[in-house]
PDB file of N, CA and C in Angstrom:
ATOM      1  N   MET A   1    -117.523-196.127 -98.776  1.00  0.00           N
ATOM      2  CA  MET A   1    -118.901-196.110 -98.333  1.00  0.00           C
ATOM      3  C   MET A   1    -118.987-195.821 -96.833  1.00  0.00           C
ATOM      4  N   ARG A   2    -118.092-196.449 -96.054  1.00  0.00           N
ATOM      5  CA  ARG A   2    -118.125-196.265 -94.603  1.00  0.00           C
ATOM      6  C   ARG A   2    -117.823-194.831 -94.203  1.00  0.00           C
ATOM      7  N   SER A   3    -116.924-194.175 -94.920  1.00  0.00           N
ATOM      8  CA  SER A   3    -116.591-192.789 -94.581  1.00  0.00           C
ATOM      9  C   SER A   3    -117.784-191.864 -94.814  1.00  0.00           C
ATOM     10  N   ASN A   4    -118.618-192.159 -95.789  1.00  0.00           N
ATOM     11  CA  ASN A   4    -119.819-191.358 -96.025  1.00  0.00           C
ATOM     12  C   ASN A   4    -120.775-191.455 -94.845  1.00  0.00           C
ATOM     13  N   VAL A   5    -120.906-192.646 -94.280  1.00  0.00           N
ATOM     14  CA  VAL A   5    -121.770-192.841 -93.111  1.00  0.00           C
ATOM     15  C   VAL A   5    -121.214-192.049 -91.930  1.00  0.00           C
ATOM     16  N   ASN A   6    -119.916-192.126 -91.696  1.00  0.00           N
ATOM     17  CA  ASN A   6    -119.293-191.383 -90.592  1.00  0.00           C
ATOM     18  C   ASN A   6    -119.452-189.880 -90.771  1.00  0.00           C
ATOM     19  N   GLU A   7    -119.284-189.396 -91.990  1.00  0.00           N
ATOM     20  CA  GLU A   7    -119.453-187.969 -92.258  1.00  0.00           C
ATOM     21  C   GLU A   7    -120.886-187.532 -91.995  1.00  0.00           C
ATOM     22  N   THR A   8    -121.839-188.361 -92.390  1.00  0.00           N
ATOM     23  CA  THR A   8    -123.249-188.047 -92.163  1.00  0.00           C
ATOM     24  C   THR A   8    -123.558-188.014 -90.673  1.00  0.00           C
ATOM     25  N   LEU A   9    -123.061-188.981 -89.926  1.00  0.00           N
ATOM     26  CA  LEU A   9    -123.301-189.027 -88.479  1.00  0.00           C
ATOM     27  C   LEU A   9    -122.691-187.825 -87.769  1.00  0.00           C
ATOM     28  N   GLN A  10    -121.540-187.362 -88.225  1.00  0.00           N
ATOM     29  CA  GLN A  10    -120.889-186.211 -87.608  1.00  0.00           C
ATOM     30  C   GLN A  10    -121.671-184.927 -87.839  1.00  0.00           C
ATOM     31  N   LYS A  11    -122.472-184.859 -88.889  1.00  0.00           N
ATOM     32  CA  LYS A  11    -123.241-183.660 -89.197  1.00  0.00           C
ATOM     33  C   LYS A  11    -124.556-183.587 -88.428  1.00  0.00           C
ATOM     34  N   ILE A  12    -124.983-184.711 -87.840  1.00  0.00           N
ATOM     35  CA  ILE A  12    -126.236-184.742 -87.099  1.00  0.00           C
ATOM     36  C   ILE A  12    -126.007-184.088 -85.733  1.00  0.00           C
ATOM     37  N   PRO A  13    -126.751-183.017 -85.431  1.00  0.00           N
ATOM     38  CA  PRO A  13    -126.562-182.385 -84.130  1.00  0.00           C
ATOM     39  C   PRO A  13    -127.080-183.305 -83.020  1.00  0.00           C
ATOM     40  N   THR A  14    -126.340-183.362 -81.928  1.00  0.00           N
ATOM     41  CA  THR A  14    -126.769-184.182 -80.802  1.00  0.00           C
ATOM     42  C   THR A  14    -127.182-183.276 -79.651  1.00  0.00           C
ATOM     43  N   THR A  15    -128.209-183.691 -78.966  1.00  0.00           N
ATOM     44  CA  THR A  15    -128.661-182.964 -77.794  1.00  0.00           C
ATOM     45  C   THR A  15    -128.144-183.703 -76.577  1.00  0.00           C
ATOM     46  N   ARG A  16    -127.382-183.013 -75.772  1.00  0.00           N
ATOM     47  CA  ARG A  16    -126.802-183.619 -74.587  1.00  0.00           C
ATOM     48  C   ARG A  16    -127.557-183.140 -73.362  1.00  0.00           C
ATOM     49  N   LEU A  17    -127.969-184.074 -72.529  1.00  0.00           N
ATOM     50  CA  LEU A  17    -128.620-183.736 -71.272  1.00  0.00           C
ATOM     51  C   LEU A  17    -127.592-183.813 -70.158  1.00  0.00           C
ATOM     52  N   ILE A  18    -127.625-182.815 -69.279  1.00  0.00           N
ATOM     53  CA  ILE A  18    -126.670-182.791 -68.175  1.00  0.00           C
ATOM     54  C   ILE A  18    -127.414-182.734 -66.847  1.00  0.00           C
ATOM     55  N   ARG A  19    -126.835-183.338 -65.839  1.00  0.00           N
ATOM     56  CA  ARG A  19    -127.452-183.404 -64.526  1.00  0.00           C
ATOM     57  C   ARG A  19    -127.045-182.192 -63.688  1.00  0.00           C
ATOM     58  N   ILE A  20    -127.673-182.050 -62.534  1.00  0.00           N
ATOM     59  CA  ILE A  20    -127.533-180.853 -61.704  1.00  0.00           C
ATOM     60  C   ILE A  20    -126.083-180.564 -61.316  1.00  0.00           C
ATOM     61  N   ARG A  21    -125.297-181.569 -61.001  1.00  0.00           N
ATOM     62  CA  ARG A  21    -123.891-181.321 -60.601  1.00  0.00           C
ATOM     63  C   ARG A  21    -123.117-180.612 -61.705  1.00  0.00           C
ATOM     64  N   GLU A  22    -123.315-181.054 -62.935  1.00  0.00           N
ATOM     65  CA  GLU A  22    -122.617-180.428 -64.053  1.00  0.00           C
ATOM     66  C   GLU A  22    -123.150-179.016 -64.297  1.00  0.00           C
ATOM     67  N   VAL A  23    -124.464-178.838 -64.158  1.00  0.00           N
ATOM     68  CA  VAL A  23    -125.050-177.496 -64.298  1.00  0.00           C
ATOM     69  C   VAL A  23    -124.437-176.567 -63.258  1.00  0.00           C
ATOM     70  N   MET A  24    -124.359-177.018 -62.016  1.00  0.00           N
ATOM     71  CA  MET A  24    -123.785-176.207 -60.940  1.00  0.00           C
ATOM     72  C   MET A  24    -122.333-175.837 -61.253  1.00  0.00           C
ATOM     73  N   ASN A  25    -121.564-176.797 -61.761  1.00  0.00           N
ATOM     74  CA  ASN A  25    -120.165-176.533 -62.104  1.00  0.00           C
ATOM     75  C   ASN A  25    -120.044-175.537 -63.247  1.00  0.00           C
ATOM     76  N   LEU A  26    -120.932-175.633 -64.221  1.00  0.00           N
ATOM     77  CA  LEU A  26    -120.865-174.728 -65.372  1.00  0.00           C
ATOM     78  C   LEU A  26    -121.233-173.299 -65.013  1.00  0.00           C
ATOM     79  N   VAL A  27    -122.304-173.121 -64.229  1.00  0.00           N
ATOM     80  CA  VAL A  27    -122.794-171.766 -63.974  1.00  0.00           C
ATOM     81  C   VAL A  27    -122.282-171.178 -62.658  1.00  0.00           C
ATOM     82  N   GLY A  28    -121.726-172.001 -61.790  1.00  0.00           N
ATOM     83  CA  GLY A  28    -121.180-171.489 -60.539  1.00  0.00           C
ATOM     84  C   GLY A  28    -122.233-171.082 -59.524  1.00  0.00           C
ATOM     85  N   LEU A  29    -123.418-171.691 -59.608  1.00  0.00           N
ATOM     86  CA  LEU A  29    -124.509-171.382 -58.683  1.00  0.00           C
ATOM     87  C   LEU A  29    -124.869-172.627 -57.882  1.00  0.00           C
ATOM     88  N   SER A  30    -125.475-172.420 -56.720  1.00  0.00           N
ATOM     89  CA  SER A  30    -125.910-173.546 -55.901  1.00  0.00           C
ATOM     90  C   SER A  30    -127.168-174.175 -56.502  1.00  0.00           C
ATOM     91  N   LYS A  31    -127.437-175.383 -56.077  1.00  0.00           N
ATOM     92  CA  LYS A  31    -128.618-176.096 -56.557  1.00  0.00           C
ATOM     93  C   LYS A  31    -129.891-175.333 -56.211  1.00  0.00           C
ATOM     94  N   SER A  32    -129.982-174.856 -54.976  1.00  0.00           N
ATOM     95  CA  SER A  32    -131.201-174.151 -54.571  1.00  0.00           C
ATOM     96  C   SER A  32    -131.393-172.859 -55.361  1.00  0.00           C
ATOM     97  N   HIS A  33    -130.312-172.168 -55.672  1.00  0.00           N
ATOM     98  CA  HIS A  33    -130.434-170.921 -56.431  1.00  0.00           C
ATOM     99  C   HIS A  33    -130.834-171.206 -57.886  1.00  0.00           C
ATOM    100  N   ILE A  34    -130.324-172.287 -58.447  1.00  0.00           N
ATOM    101  CA  ILE A  34    -130.713-172.682 -59.805  1.00  0.00           C
ATOM    102  C   ILE A  34    -132.209-172.936 -59.858  1.00  0.00           C
ATOM    103  N   TYR A  35    -132.729-173.698 -58.894  1.00  0.00           N
ATOM    104  CA  TYR A  35    -134.161-173.986 -58.868  1.00  0.00           C
ATOM    105  C   TYR A  35    -134.982-172.716 -58.610  1.00  0.00           C
ATOM    106  N   HIS A  36    -134.457-171.824 -57.790  1.00  0.00           N
ATOM    107  CA  HIS A  36    -135.145-170.552 -57.518  1.00  0.00           C
ATOM    108  C   HIS A  36    -135.250-169.721 -58.793  1.00  0.00           C
ATOM    109  N   LEU A  37    -134.150-169.590 -59.517  1.00  0.00           N
ATOM    110  CA  LEU A  37    -134.160-168.836 -60.777  1.00  0.00           C
ATOM    111  C   LEU A  37    -135.084-169.476 -61.810  1.00  0.00           C
ATOM    112  N   ALA A  38    -135.075-170.819 -61.871  1.00  0.00           N
ATOM    113  CA  ALA A  38    -135.946-171.524 -62.821  1.00  0.00           C
ATOM    114  C   ALA A  38    -137.416-171.273 -62.491  1.00  0.00           C
ATOM    115  N   ALA A  39    -137.756-171.248 -61.201  1.00  0.00           N
ATOM    116  CA  ALA A  39    -139.141-170.993 -60.789  1.00  0.00           C
ATOM    117  C   ALA A  39    -139.577-169.586 -61.181  1.00  0.00           C
ATOM    118  N   GLN A  40    -138.633-168.657 -61.248  1.00  0.00           N
ATOM    119  CA  GLN A  40    -138.924-167.279 -61.651  1.00  0.00           C
ATOM    120  C   GLN A  40    -138.885-167.106 -63.170  1.00  0.00           C
ATOM    121  N   GLY A  41    -138.531-168.158 -63.887  1.00  0.00           N
ATOM    122  CA  GLY A  41    -138.421-168.069 -65.334  1.00  0.00           C
ATOM    123  C   GLY A  41    -137.135-167.421 -65.796  1.00  0.00           C
ATOM    124  N   ARG A  42    -136.136-167.350 -64.910  1.00  0.00           N
ATOM    125  CA  ARG A  42    -134.869-166.693 -65.234  1.00  0.00           C
ATOM    126  C   ARG A  42    -133.729-167.682 -65.487  1.00  0.00           C
ATOM    127  N   PHE A  43    -134.070-168.967 -65.546  1.00  0.00           N
ATOM    128  CA  PHE A  43    -133.085-170.022 -65.780  1.00  0.00           C
ATOM    129  C   PHE A  43    -133.791-171.124 -66.569  1.00  0.00           C
ATOM    130  N   PRO A  44    -133.072-171.816 -67.447  1.00  0.00           N
ATOM    131  CA  PRO A  44    -133.724-172.881 -68.222  1.00  0.00           C
ATOM    132  C   PRO A  44    -134.399-173.921 -67.321  1.00  0.00           C
ATOM    133  N   LYS A  45    -135.553-174.381 -67.752  1.00  0.00           N
ATOM    134  CA  LYS A  45    -136.289-175.400 -67.000  1.00  0.00           C
ATOM    135  C   LYS A  45    -135.636-176.769 -67.190  1.00  0.00           C
ATOM    136  N   SER A  46    -135.767-177.598 -66.186  1.00  0.00           N
ATOM    137  CA  SER A  46    -135.260-178.965 -66.271  1.00  0.00           C
ATOM    138  C   SER A  46    -136.256-179.845 -67.023  1.00  0.00           C
ATOM    139  N   ILE A  47    -135.782-180.997 -67.436  1.00  0.00           N
ATOM    140  CA  ILE A  47    -136.600-181.968 -68.164  1.00  0.00           C
ATOM    141  C   ILE A  47    -136.670-183.242 -67.331  1.00  0.00           C
ATOM    142  N   PRO A  48    -137.878-183.758 -67.063  1.00  0.00           N
ATOM    143  CA  PRO A  48    -137.963-185.026 -66.338  1.00  0.00           C
ATOM    144  C   PRO A  48    -137.397-186.166 -67.197  1.00  0.00           C
ATOM    145  N   LEU A  49    -136.598-187.021 -66.576  1.00  0.00           N
ATOM    146  CA  LEU A  49    -135.999-188.127 -67.316  1.00  0.00           C
ATOM    147  C   LEU A  49    -136.891-189.363 -67.335  1.00  0.00           C
ATOM    148  N   VAL A  50    -137.717-189.492 -66.300  1.00  0.00           N
ATOM    149  CA  VAL A  50    -138.620-190.636 -66.199  1.00  0.00           C
ATOM    150  C   VAL A  50    -140.003-190.092 -65.864  1.00  0.00           C
ATOM    151  N   PRO A  51    -141.018-190.453 -66.634  1.00  0.00           N
ATOM    152  CA  PRO A  51    -142.366-189.970 -66.309  1.00  0.00           C
ATOM    153  C   PRO A  51    -142.752-190.340 -64.876  1.00  0.00           C
ATOM    154  N   GLY A  52    -143.155-189.355 -64.112  1.00  0.00           N
ATOM    155  CA  GLY A  52    -143.549-189.584 -62.727  1.00  0.00           C
ATOM    156  C   GLY A  52    -142.393-189.728 -61.764  1.00  0.00           C
ATOM    157  N   GLY A  53    -141.157-189.666 -62.268  1.00  0.00           N
ATOM    158  CA  GLY A  53    -139.981-189.806 -61.415  1.00  0.00           C
ATOM    159  C   GLY A  53    -139.446-188.463 -60.962  1.00  0.00           C
ATOM    160  N   THR A  54    -138.382-188.514 -60.205  1.00  0.00           N
ATOM    161  CA  THR A  54    -137.783-187.273 -59.696  1.00  0.00           C
ATOM    162  C   THR A  54    -136.476-186.906 -60.397  1.00  0.00           C
ATOM    163  N   SER A  55    -135.961-187.775 -61.255  1.00  0.00           N
ATOM    164  CA  SER A  55    -134.707-187.497 -61.961  1.00  0.00           C
ATOM    165  C   SER A  55    -134.951-186.488 -63.079  1.00  0.00           C
ATOM    166  N   VAL A  56    -134.125-185.439 -63.071  1.00  0.00           N
ATOM    167  CA  VAL A  56    -134.240-184.402 -64.096  1.00  0.00           C
ATOM    168  C   VAL A  56    -132.866-184.096 -64.672  1.00  0.00           C
ATOM    169  N   ALA A  57    -132.875-183.438 -65.827  1.00  0.00           N
ATOM    170  CA  ALA A  57    -131.645-182.994 -66.478  1.00  0.00           C
ATOM    171  C   ALA A  57    -131.950-181.713 -67.230  1.00  0.00           C
ATOM    172  N   TRP A  58    -130.902-181.062 -67.702  1.00  0.00           N
ATOM    173  CA  TRP A  58    -131.036-179.836 -68.477  1.00  0.00           C
ATOM    174  C   TRP A  58    -130.404-180.053 -69.841  1.00  0.00           C
ATOM    175  N   ILE A  59    -130.887-179.310 -70.822  1.00  0.00           N
ATOM    176  CA  ILE A  59    -130.296-179.355 -72.156  1.00  0.00           C
ATOM    177  C   ILE A  59    -129.035-178.486 -72.131  1.00  0.00           C
ATOM    178  N   GLU A  60    -127.935-179.104 -72.465  1.00  0.00           N
ATOM    179  CA  GLU A  60    -126.638-178.433 -72.362  1.00  0.00           C
ATOM    180  C   GLU A  60    -126.596-177.114 -73.134  1.00  0.00           C
ATOM    181  N   THR A  61    -127.155-177.084 -74.344  1.00  0.00           N
ATOM    182  CA  THR A  61    -127.103-175.856 -75.143  1.00  0.00           C
ATOM    183  C   THR A  61    -127.908-174.728 -74.490  1.00  0.00           C
ATOM    184  N   GLU A  62    -128.987-175.063 -73.776  1.00  0.00           N
ATOM    185  CA  GLU A  62    -129.751-174.027 -73.066  1.00  0.00           C
ATOM    186  C   GLU A  62    -128.935-173.445 -71.921  1.00  0.00           C
ATOM    187  N   ILE A  63    -128.145-174.270 -71.259  1.00  0.00           N
ATOM    188  CA  ILE A  63    -127.273-173.782 -70.183  1.00  0.00           C
ATOM    189  C   ILE A  63    -126.172-172.904 -70.773  1.00  0.00           C
ATOM    190  N   GLU A  64    -125.626-173.317 -71.900  1.00  0.00           N
ATOM    191  CA  GLU A  64    -124.611-172.499 -72.575  1.00  0.00           C
ATOM    192  C   GLU A  64    -125.191-171.152 -72.995  1.00  0.00           C
ATOM    193  N   ASP A  65    -126.430-171.156 -73.497  1.00  0.00           N
ATOM    194  CA  ASP A  65    -127.096-169.901 -73.871  1.00  0.00           C
ATOM    195  C   ASP A  65    -127.276-169.003 -72.650  1.00  0.00           C
ATOM    196  N   PHE A  66    -127.654-169.577 -71.517  1.00  0.00           N
ATOM    197  CA  PHE A  66    -127.809-168.812 -70.277  1.00  0.00           C
ATOM    198  C   PHE A  66    -126.481-168.146 -69.905  1.00  0.00           C
ATOM    199  N   ILE A  67    -125.405-168.905 -69.965  1.00  0.00           N
ATOM    200  CA  ILE A  67    -124.082-168.367 -69.634  1.00  0.00           C
ATOM    201  C   ILE A  67    -123.733-167.224 -70.582  1.00  0.00           C
ATOM    202  N   ASN A  68    -123.962-167.412 -71.864  1.00  0.00           N
ATOM    203  CA  ASN A  68    -123.659-166.361 -72.848  1.00  0.00           C
ATOM    204  C   ASN A  68    -124.500-165.108 -72.625  1.00  0.00           C
ATOM    205  N   GLN A  69    -125.761-165.290 -72.223  1.00  0.00           N
ATOM    206  CA  GLN A  69    -126.613-164.138 -71.911  1.00  0.00           C
ATOM    207  C   GLN A  69    -126.059-163.360 -70.717  1.00  0.00           C
ATOM    208  N   GLN A  70    -125.544-164.073 -69.728  1.00  0.00           N
ATOM    209  CA  GLN A  70    -124.974-163.409 -68.561  1.00  0.00           C
ATOM    210  C   GLN A  70    -123.733-162.608 -68.941  1.00  0.00           C
ATOM    211  N   ILE A  71    -122.933-163.180 -69.842  1.00  0.00           N
ATOM    212  CA  ILE A  71    -121.741-162.476 -70.300  1.00  0.00           C
ATOM    213  C   ILE A  71    -122.124-161.207 -71.059  1.00  0.00           C
ATOM    214  N   LYS A  72    -123.119-161.304 -71.937  1.00  0.00           N
ATOM    215  CA  LYS A  72    -123.563-160.143 -72.708  1.00  0.00           C
ATOM    216  C   LYS A  72    -124.171-159.071 -71.806  1.00  0.00           C
ATOM    217  N   ALA A  73    -124.866-159.496 -70.754  1.00  0.00           N
ATOM    218  CA  ALA A  73    -125.557-158.545 -69.867  1.00  0.00           C
ATOM    219  C   ALA A  73    -124.600-157.723 -69.019  1.00  0.00           C
ATOM    220  N   ARG A  74    -123.380-158.176 -68.874  1.00  0.00           N
ATOM    221  CA  ARG A  74    -122.448-157.424 -68.009  1.00  0.00           C
ATOM    222  C   ARG A  74    -121.981-156.128 -68.655  1.00  0.00           C
ATOM    223  N   GLY A  75    -122.237-156.001 -69.959  1.00  0.00           N
ATOM    224  CA  GLY A  75    -121.922-154.741 -70.641  1.00  0.00           C
ATOM    225  C   GLY A  75    -120.622-154.794 -71.291  1.00  0.00           C
TER     226      GLY A  75
END
């Protein structure tokens, strides 16, 4: 019975939120350039972590998609 629960939990997709330092490490861009691209609609938007607060994060899969788009765009 327990193995069925574990198998079910493993099939549930998880959404991971990552903070700016990890985003910078993944994409190789500075913080200011990331925010500049996001303001232009050329980079995934951040998500506020606390209503009315300043803490934000990004959805990891959206950052991965951005990286893959850059790879495809190089030709």
